[in-house]
C-alpha atoms as a PDB file:
ATOM      1  CA  UNK A   1      -5.900 -23.868   6.705  1.00  0.00           C
ATOM      2  CA  UNK A   2      -3.178 -21.161   7.896  1.00  0.00           C
ATOM      3  CA  UNK A   3      -2.183 -20.557   4.367  1.00  0.00           C
ATOM      4  CA  UNK A   4      -5.387 -21.384   2.603  1.00  0.00           C
ATOM      5  CA  UNK A   5      -6.720 -17.876   2.819  1.00  0.00           C
ATOM      6  CA  UNK A   6      -3.488 -16.236   1.749  1.00  0.00           C
ATOM      7  CA  UNK A   7      -2.940 -18.255  -1.173  1.00  0.00           C
ATOM      8  CA  UNK A   8      -6.984 -17.739  -2.170  1.00  0.00           C
ATOM      9  CA  UNK A   9      -6.506 -13.974  -1.751  1.00  0.00           C
ATOM     10  CA  UNK A  10      -3.374 -13.217  -3.308  1.00  0.00           C
ATOM     11  CA  UNK A  11      -4.584 -15.040  -6.642  1.00  0.00           C
ATOM     12  CA  UNK A  12      -8.043 -13.704  -6.526  1.00  0.00           C
ATOM     13  CA  UNK A  13      -6.951  -9.838  -6.232  1.00  0.00           C
ATOM     14  CA  UNK A  14      -4.138 -10.384  -8.666  1.00  0.00           C
ATOM     15  CA  UNK A  15      -1.072  -9.933  -6.561  1.00  0.00           C
ATOM     16  CA  UNK A  16       0.988 -12.368  -7.910  1.00  0.00           C
ATOM     17  CA  UNK A  17       1.661 -10.939 -11.395  1.00  0.00           C
ATOM     18  CA  UNK A  18       4.818  -8.791 -11.986  1.00  0.00           C
ATOM     19  CA  UNK A  19       2.787  -5.712 -12.719  1.00  0.00           C
ATOM     20  CA  UNK A  20       0.031  -4.848 -10.074  1.00  0.00           C
ATOM     21  CA  UNK A  21      -3.385  -4.268 -12.109  1.00  0.00           C
ATOM     22  CA  UNK A  22      -1.542  -4.352 -15.482  1.00  0.00           C
ATOM     23  CA  UNK A  23       0.935  -1.668 -14.286  1.00  0.00           C
ATOM     24  CA  UNK A  24       4.664  -1.208 -14.385  1.00  0.00           C
ATOM     25  CA  UNK A  25       4.450  -1.259 -10.429  1.00  0.00           C
ATOM     26  CA  UNK A  26       4.815  -4.127  -7.995  1.00  0.00           C
ATOM     27  CA  UNK A  27       2.218  -4.640  -5.233  1.00  0.00           C
ATOM     28  CA  UNK A  28       5.031  -3.443  -2.846  1.00  0.00           C
ATOM     29  CA  UNK A  29       5.710  -0.345  -4.992  1.00  0.00           C
ATOM     30  CA  UNK A  30       2.024   0.550  -5.129  1.00  0.00           C
ATOM     31  CA  UNK A  31       1.676   0.267  -1.499  1.00  0.00           C
ATOM     32  CA  UNK A  32       4.988   2.447  -0.865  1.00  0.00           C
ATOM     33  CA  UNK A  33       3.412   5.118  -3.314  1.00  0.00           C
ATOM     34  CA  UNK A  34       0.149   4.986  -1.330  1.00  0.00           C
ATOM     35  CA  UNK A  35       1.887   5.385   1.988  1.00  0.00           C
ATOM     36  CA  UNK A  36       3.690   8.654   0.748  1.00  0.00           C
ATOM     37  CA  UNK A  37       0.386   9.815  -0.752  1.00  0.00           C
ATOM     38  CA  UNK A  38      -1.394   9.375   2.507  1.00  0.00           C
ATOM     39  CA  UNK A  39       1.007  11.038   4.533  1.00  0.00           C
ATOM     40  CA  UNK A  40       1.991  13.731   2.153  1.00  0.00           C
ATOM     41  CA  UNK A  41       5.768  13.600   3.081  1.00  0.00           C
ATOM     42  CA  UNK A  42       7.468  11.142   5.291  1.00  0.00           C
ATOM     43  CA  UNK A  43      11.036   9.708   6.098  1.00  0.00           C
ATOM     44  CA  UNK A  44      12.259   6.411   4.793  1.00  0.00           C
ATOM     45  CA  UNK A  45      12.356   5.022   8.359  1.00  0.00           C
ATOM     46  CA  UNK A  46       8.694   5.717   8.994  1.00  0.00           C
ATOM     47  CA  UNK A  47       7.701   3.508   5.603  1.00  0.00           C
ATOM     48  CA  UNK A  48      10.205   0.770   6.745  1.00  0.00           C
ATOM     49  CA  UNK A  49       8.370   0.663  10.198  1.00  0.00           C
ATOM     50  CA  UNK A  50       4.988   0.800   8.652  1.00  0.00           C
ATOM     51  CA  UNK A  51       5.355  -1.628   5.983  1.00  0.00           C
ATOM     52  CA  UNK A  52       7.949  -3.863   7.602  1.00  0.00           C
ATOM     53  CA  UNK A  53      10.339  -3.828   4.655  1.00  0.00           C
ATOM     54  CA  UNK A  54      14.000  -3.833   4.196  1.00  0.00           C
ATOM     55  CA  UNK A  55      15.473  -0.439   4.286  1.00  0.00           C
ATOM     56  CA  UNK A  56      17.929  -1.339   1.618  1.00  0.00           C
ATOM     57  CA  UNK A  57      15.030  -2.676  -0.516  1.00  0.00           C
ATOM     58  CA  UNK A  58      13.078   0.681   0.120  1.00  0.00           C
ATOM     59  CA  UNK A  59      16.157   2.744  -0.760  1.00  0.00           C
ATOM     60  CA  UNK A  60      16.339   1.105  -4.293  1.00  0.00           C
ATOM     61  CA  UNK A  61      12.597   1.526  -4.918  1.00  0.00           C
ATOM     62  CA  UNK A  62      12.835   5.137  -3.738  1.00  0.00           C
ATOM     63  CA  UNK A  63      15.738   5.711  -6.098  1.00  0.00           C
ATOM     64  CA  UNK A  64      13.905   4.279  -9.020  1.00  0.00           C
ATOM     65  CA  UNK A  65      10.984   6.415  -8.158  1.00  0.00           C
ATOM     66  CA  UNK A  66      13.184   9.613  -8.103  1.00  0.00           C
ATOM     67  CA  UNK A  67      14.482   8.516 -11.691  1.00  0.00           C
ATOM     68  CA  UNK A  68      10.960   8.128 -12.887  1.00  0.00           C
ATOM     69  CA  UNK A  69       9.942  11.724 -11.637  1.00  0.00           C
ATOM     70  CA  UNK A  70       7.441  10.179  -8.960  1.00  0.00           C
ATOM     71  CA  UNK A  71       8.968  11.236  -5.807  1.00  0.00           C
ATOM     72  CA  UNK A  72      11.557  13.828  -4.605  1.00  0.00           C
ATOM     73  CA  UNK A  73      13.693  13.876  -1.496  1.00  0.00           C
ATOM     74  CA  UNK A  74      14.158  17.037   0.648  1.00  0.00           C
ATOM     75  CA  UNK A  75      16.723  17.695   3.548  1.00  0.00           C
ATOM     76  CA  UNK A  76      14.595  17.971   6.889  1.00  0.00           C
ATOM     77  CA  UNK A  77      15.055  21.218   8.517  1.00  0.00           C
ATOM     78  CA  UNK A  78      14.796  19.829  11.925  1.00  0.00           C
ATOM     79  CA  UNK A  79      17.290  16.991  11.160  1.00  0.00           C
ATOM     80  CA  UNK A  80      19.903  17.319   8.505  1.00  0.00           C
ATOM     81  CA  UNK A  81      20.540  13.701   8.648  1.00  0.00           C
ATOM     82  CA  UNK A  82      16.937  12.961   7.518  1.00  0.00           C
ATOM     83  CA  UNK A  83      15.320  13.571   4.058  1.00  0.00           C
ATOM     84  CA  UNK A  84      11.591  13.725   3.548  1.00  0.00           C
ATOM     85  CA  UNK A  85      10.170  11.930   0.676  1.00  0.00           C
ATOM     86  CA  UNK A  86       7.166  13.655  -1.218  1.00  0.00           C
ATOM     87  CA  UNK A  87       5.170  12.835  -4.379  1.00  0.00           C
ATOM     88  CA  UNK A  88       5.995  15.030  -7.329  1.00  0.00           C
ATOM     89  CA  UNK A  89       2.918  16.337  -9.272  1.00  0.00           C
ATOM     90  CA  UNK A  90       3.526  13.291 -11.513  1.00  0.00           C
ATOM     91  CA  UNK A  91       3.590  11.093  -8.485  1.00  0.00           C
ATOM     92  CA  UNK A  92       0.245  12.303  -7.044  1.00  0.00           C
ATOM     93  CA  UNK A  93      -1.314  11.916 -10.656  1.00  0.00           C
ATOM     94  CA  UNK A  94       0.151   8.203 -10.858  1.00  0.00           C
ATOM     95  CA  UNK A  95      -0.858   7.265  -7.227  1.00  0.00           C
ATOM     96  CA  UNK A  96      -4.277   8.554  -7.654  1.00  0.00           C
ATOM     97  CA  UNK A  97      -4.690   6.721 -10.772  1.00  0.00           C
ATOM     98  CA  UNK A  98      -3.465   3.427  -9.081  1.00  0.00           C
ATOM     99  CA  UNK A  99      -5.925   4.216  -6.325  1.00  0.00           C
ATOM    100  CA  UNK A 100      -8.857   4.431  -8.915  1.00  0.00           C
ATOM    101  CA  UNK A 101      -7.743   1.248 -10.495  1.00  0.00           C
ATOM    102  CA  UNK A 102      -7.713  -0.516  -7.077  1.00  0.00           C
ATOM    103  CA  UNK A 103     -11.001   0.826  -6.252  1.00  0.00           C
ATOM    104  CA  UNK A 104     -12.430  -0.450  -9.810  1.00  0.00           C
ATOM    105  CA  UNK A 105     -10.925  -3.843  -9.105  1.00  0.00           C
ATOM    106  CA  UNK A 106     -12.533  -4.196  -5.831  1.00  0.00           C
ATOM    107  CA  UNK A 107     -16.084  -2.880  -7.026  1.00  0.00           C
ATOM    108  CA  UNK A 108     -15.623  -5.574 -10.057  1.00  0.00           C
ATOM    109  CA  UNK A 109     -15.049  -8.101  -7.294  1.00  0.00           C
ATOM    110  CA  UNK A 110     -18.083  -7.509  -5.212  1.00  0.00           C
ATOM    111  CA  UNK A 111     -20.623  -6.127  -7.532  1.00  0.00           C
ATOM    112  CA  UNK A 112     -22.580  -9.278  -7.750  1.00  0.00           C
ATOM    113  CA  UNK A 113     -22.910  -9.698  -3.844  1.00  0.00           C
ATOM    114  CA  UNK A 114     -26.200  -8.507  -2.200  1.00  0.00           C
ATOM    115  CA  UNK A 115     -26.377  -6.113   0.586  1.00  0.00           C
ATOM    116  CA  UNK A 116     -26.368  -8.982   3.196  1.00  0.00           C
ATOM    117  CA  UNK A 117     -23.072 -10.556   1.684  1.00  0.00           C
ATOM    118  CA  UNK A 118     -21.371  -7.190   1.357  1.00  0.00           C
ATOM    119  CA  UNK A 119     -22.323  -6.790   5.151  1.00  0.00           C
ATOM    120  CA  UNK A 120     -21.068 -10.330   5.826  1.00  0.00           C
ATOM    121  CA  UNK A 121     -17.705  -9.568   3.801  1.00  0.00           C
ATOM    122  CA  UNK A 122     -17.321  -6.337   5.684  1.00  0.00           C
ATOM    123  CA  UNK A 123     -17.685  -8.166   8.995  1.00  0.00           C
ATOM    124  CA  UNK A 124     -15.249 -10.784   8.389  1.00  0.00           C
ATOM    125  CA  UNK A 125     -12.698  -8.142   6.991  1.00  0.00           C
ATOM    126  CA  UNK A 126     -13.045  -6.159  10.380  1.00  0.00           C
ATOM    127  CA  UNK A 127     -12.554  -9.329  12.218  1.00  0.00           C
ATOM    128  CA  UNK A 128      -9.556 -10.323  10.393  1.00  0.00           C
ATOM    129  CA  UNK A 129      -8.035  -6.787  10.896  1.00  0.00           C
ATOM    130  CA  UNK A 130      -9.068  -6.798  14.620  1.00  0.00           C
ATOM    131  CA  UNK A 131      -7.546 -10.280  15.270  1.00  0.00           C
ATOM    132  CA  UNK A 132      -4.495  -9.878  13.422  1.00  0.00           C
ATOM    133  CA  UNK A 133      -3.970  -6.237  14.396  1.00  0.00           C
ATOM    134  CA  UNK A 134      -4.275  -7.287  18.175  1.00  0.00           C
ATOM    135  CA  UNK A 135      -1.652 -10.035  17.788  1.00  0.00           C
ATOM    136  CA  UNK A 136       0.655  -7.724  16.403  1.00  0.00           C
ATOM    137  CA  UNK A 137       0.032  -5.247  19.210  1.00  0.00           C
ATOM    138  CA  UNK A 138      -1.761  -2.500  16.905  1.00  0.00           C
ATOM    139  CA  UNK A 139      -5.251  -1.180  17.545  1.00  0.00           C
ATOM    140  CA  UNK A 140      -7.448  -2.139  14.677  1.00  0.00           C
ATOM    141  CA  UNK A 141      -7.939   1.185  13.283  1.00  0.00           C
ATOM    142  CA  UNK A 142      -4.144   1.773  12.874  1.00  0.00           C
ATOM    143  CA  UNK A 143      -3.998  -1.380  10.562  1.00  0.00           C
END
């Protein structure tokens, strides 16, 4: 039972393919772009902490994003050892396209649900977020 939901969800949402939603990006890459988009600018260590990913892996992804013109790095004025990562105009456009694709996919998955079923689904997801967030020491709103 422990893995049943994960196996179902990752297949149902299309997370196992090499390109998330038929894009050239993996789920992890898409999530990193979203994290940068959400925060406007951040440092790599913040992304490592938030997403629980290896810093070397993140560095390789960020380097690739720089080559693709999606992100840029700028030295911090406060701490010269740190560099801020920000989306370029191209990166913002691409990330917003990925967000729209994700929203479209979710709408397609739930379009046949009635109002009661949507309410049940939302309540169930809130429960999962609350329980897993609590077990990791996070408040449910921060997950």
